Amino acid sequence: MSGSHSGLAYSLIFAFGLERDMQELTQHGSVIERELSPYSLAGFEAGLGNGWSFLTSDQPNCHAVFVNEEKLSLVTYCEGDVITKRSPNEFVFSLEKNDEMWFTANA
C-alpha cells in the first residue's frame, strides 16, 4: 500500500507544480544542483574561478571533484555532467568531502 501512496504523492507534486519548490538533498542535507557542461574537464576546470581547488578523481581525463571551502560547496564534473553540492555548515561539508574521497578510492 505504501507504494501507491508514494506514487500518488509524486503525481500530486507534479500536478500542482510543487516540484519547483522542492530541493534535491544529499543524505547529509546538502542541496544538490545538476547541470550540463559543453566543456571538457580541462575547460570546465579553467572556468571555475577563484576559490576552487581540486579534491579527488578516479578518472583524471573525464572525472574530478573540486571544493570551495569558503562557499562550503563541492562540484563534481563527469563527462559533461556537473553536480554541485552546497552544504549548510562546515560539519556537513566535511561529511560530503569524506564521501567523495571514499567513492573515488573505491571506484
Foldseek 3Di string as FASTA:
>chain_A
DVVVVVVVVVVVCVVVVVVVVDFDADPLGWTKDKDFAPDWPVVVVVPPDPQKDWQDDLDVRAWTKIDRQVQLKIWIGGNGMIMMTGDPDDVSSVVVSVVVVVVSVVD
